[in-house]
Amino acid sequence: MRIGPVRIALLAGAFACALASCSSRSPVPVTGEDSTIVHPSKKPEGVEARITLYEKTSKKTGRPIGVGRAFTMGEDEKVRALIEIENPEALGPRPLLFHLVWLDPEGSSIYTKGLELAPGDSASVLESSISIQPDKREPGTYTLRVYLFRELIAEKTFTLCV
């Protein structure tokens, strides 16, 4: 039996619908007060993430300094990310596998970091950073994306200035 183009299109559409319904995330992103774009869980009280971008950590308090979304490039300068994970216990007693992906203005990955959050970890925080030296980066709008089990759960854009 020969499968014609119409049947192929119908099968492809059905396959796409099946894949979309497998997602545990809402297809409509929500922008939070802190400008983090969240792809919310379909379940109430699901795993969520909030991203804070900053320049340095206070040696005195351990808190972020220079929080924002615009950073000036310079030698030995970095953009740091603090990702607070909310409701990490929502998926039961199993390790949570995260990927943090930093994208350049063209959307190409410039750095990827894999992290595992073990069940019962007292800290529900992930950290990452990239250098913003002028010889390594171009000015423009960059993005940090947070994936949980390969599903996008949060992202935040920021600008690098000269």
Protein backbone atom coordinates (compact mmCIF):
# COMPACT_ATOMS: atom_id res chain seq x y z
CA MET A 1 0.00 0.00 0.00
CA ARG A 2 1.36 3.37 -1.01
CA ILE A 3 1.13 6.27 1.43
CA GLY A 4 0.23 9.49 -0.35
CA PRO A 5 1.18 13.04 0.60
CA VAL A 6 -2.18 13.70 2.29
CA ARG A 7 -1.79 10.69 4.58
CA ILE A 8 1.79 11.69 5.36
CA ALA A 9 0.62 15.19 6.30
CA LEU A 10 -2.14 13.78 8.52
CA LEU A 11 0.29 11.40 10.24
CA ALA A 12 2.79 14.21 10.78
CA GLY A 13 0.06 16.41 12.27
CA ALA A 14 -1.09 13.63 14.60
CA PHE A 15 2.50 12.98 15.67
CA ALA A 16 3.07 16.69 16.39
CA CYS A 17 -0.12 16.84 18.47
CA ALA A 18 0.95 13.76 20.43
CA LEU A 19 4.34 15.30 21.15
CA ALA A 20 2.81 18.60 22.26
CA SER A 21 0.49 16.86 24.71
CA CYS A 22 3.45 15.02 26.28
CA SER A 23 4.89 18.28 27.53
CA SER A 24 4.47 19.01 31.22
CA ARG A 25 4.69 22.76 30.52
CA SER A 26 2.09 25.27 29.43
CA PRO A 27 2.58 26.37 25.80
CA VAL A 28 2.05 30.01 26.85
CA PRO A 29 5.03 31.63 28.62
CA VAL A 30 4.49 34.12 31.44
CA THR A 31 6.79 37.05 32.23
CA GLY A 32 7.36 37.54 35.95
CA GLU A 33 7.91 40.80 37.83
CA ASP A 34 11.68 40.22 37.65
CA SER A 35 11.52 39.80 33.82
CA THR A 36 12.11 36.04 33.98
CA ILE A 37 10.10 34.38 31.22
CA VAL A 38 8.59 31.29 32.82
CA HIS A 39 7.12 28.32 30.98
CA PRO A 40 4.77 27.26 33.80
CA SER A 41 4.08 23.70 34.80
CA LYS A 42 0.67 22.37 33.76
CA LYS A 43 0.30 21.02 37.31
CA PRO A 44 -0.32 23.37 40.21
CA GLU A 45 2.72 23.52 42.49
CA GLY A 46 5.01 22.17 39.75
CA VAL A 47 8.76 22.80 39.52
CA GLU A 48 9.46 26.43 38.57
CA ALA A 49 12.57 28.61 38.28
CA ARG A 50 13.39 32.27 38.88
CA ILE A 51 16.56 33.75 37.32
CA THR A 52 18.58 36.61 38.83
CA LEU A 53 21.44 38.05 36.75
CA TYR A 54 24.16 40.03 38.52
CA GLU A 55 27.79 41.21 38.40
CA LYS A 56 29.39 40.09 41.67
CA THR A 57 28.72 38.42 45.00
CA SER A 58 29.15 40.42 48.21
CA LYS A 59 32.01 39.00 50.28
CA LYS A 60 30.27 40.27 53.40
CA THR A 61 26.70 39.03 52.87
CA GLY A 62 27.02 36.47 50.06
CA ARG A 63 24.24 38.27 48.19
CA PRO A 64 24.29 39.36 44.54
CA ILE A 65 25.57 42.87 43.74
CA GLY A 66 24.79 44.68 40.50
CA VAL A 67 21.53 42.87 39.78
CA GLY A 68 20.07 43.80 36.41
CA ARG A 69 19.68 43.01 32.74
CA ALA A 70 22.32 45.34 31.23
CA PHE A 71 26.02 44.75 31.82
CA THR A 72 29.14 46.62 30.68
CA MET A 73 31.78 44.45 29.05
CA GLY A 74 35.31 44.59 30.45
CA GLU A 75 38.41 42.58 31.29
CA ASP A 76 37.78 40.02 34.02
CA GLU A 77 34.04 40.88 34.03
CA LYS A 78 31.30 38.24 34.17
CA VAL A 79 27.54 37.93 34.09
CA ARG A 80 26.48 35.59 36.85
CA ALA A 81 23.18 33.77 37.19
CA LEU A 82 21.43 32.60 40.32
CA ILE A 83 18.52 30.27 39.52
CA GLU A 84 16.15 29.64 42.40
CA ILE A 85 14.23 26.39 41.99
CA GLU A 86 10.73 26.41 43.47
CA ASN A 87 8.94 23.19 44.45
CA PRO A 88 11.84 20.82 43.65
CA GLU A 89 9.98 18.04 45.46
CA ALA A 90 7.03 18.23 43.02
CA LEU A 91 8.37 15.41 40.83
CA GLY A 92 8.92 13.02 43.72
CA PRO A 93 12.10 11.65 45.28
CA ARG A 94 14.33 11.60 42.21
CA PRO A 95 17.24 13.75 41.05
CA LEU A 96 16.30 16.73 38.90
CA LEU A 97 18.49 17.16 35.81
CA PHE A 98 18.94 20.76 34.66
CA HIS A 99 20.76 22.28 31.69
CA LEU A 100 21.67 25.96 31.66
CA VAL A 101 22.24 27.24 28.13
CA TRP A 102 23.73 30.68 27.42
CA LEU A 103 22.90 32.00 23.93
CA ASP A 104 24.55 34.80 21.94
CA PRO A 105 22.57 37.46 20.01
CA GLU A 106 22.28 35.09 17.01
CA GLY A 107 20.78 32.35 19.18
CA SER A 108 23.87 30.12 19.12
CA SER A 109 24.92 28.34 22.29
CA ILE A 110 28.09 29.80 23.81
CA TYR A 111 28.10 27.77 27.02
CA THR A 112 26.07 24.88 28.42
CA LYS A 113 26.20 23.58 31.97
CA GLY A 114 24.49 20.43 33.24
CA LEU A 115 23.52 20.24 36.91
CA GLU A 116 21.76 17.71 39.10
CA LEU A 117 19.68 18.66 42.11
CA ALA A 118 19.49 15.64 44.43
CA PRO A 119 16.32 14.89 46.41
CA GLY A 120 16.49 16.47 49.84
CA ASP A 121 19.15 19.03 48.89
CA SER A 122 18.82 21.86 51.40
CA ALA A 123 19.78 24.45 48.76
CA SER A 124 17.50 24.75 45.77
CA VAL A 125 19.78 27.13 43.89
CA LEU A 126 21.75 26.69 40.67
CA GLU A 127 24.61 28.98 39.65
CA SER A 128 26.45 29.69 36.41
CA SER A 129 28.38 32.50 34.75
CA ILE A 130 29.98 33.61 31.50
CA SER A 131 32.86 35.99 30.89
CA ILE A 132 32.01 39.25 29.13
CA GLN A 133 35.43 40.32 27.95
CA PRO A 134 35.30 42.47 24.78
CA ASP A 135 37.65 40.07 22.95
CA LYS A 136 35.25 37.14 23.65
CA ARG A 137 31.79 38.71 23.28
CA GLU A 138 30.00 41.17 21.02
CA PRO A 139 27.57 43.80 22.30
CA GLY A 140 23.94 42.74 21.95
CA THR A 141 21.07 40.87 23.57
CA TYR A 142 21.92 37.49 25.06
CA THR A 143 19.69 34.83 26.64
CA LEU A 144 20.03 32.33 29.48
CA ARG A 145 17.69 29.34 29.25
CA VAL A 146 16.97 26.83 32.00
CA TYR A 147 15.86 23.32 31.02
CA LEU A 148 14.51 20.62 33.32
CA PHE A 149 14.71 17.14 31.77
CA ARG A 150 15.19 18.86 28.37
CA GLU A 151 12.04 20.98 28.72
CA LEU A 152 12.43 24.76 28.76
CA ILE A 153 11.16 26.04 32.11
CA ALA A 154 12.57 29.58 32.27
CA GLU A 155 14.64 32.10 30.33
CA LYS A 156 15.92 35.63 30.71
CA THR A 157 17.44 38.05 28.24
CA PHE A 158 20.15 40.57 29.02
CA THR A 159 22.19 43.14 27.14
CA LEU A 160 25.95 43.49 26.90
CA CYS A 161 27.15 47.06 26.34
CA VAL A 162 30.58 48.46 25.47
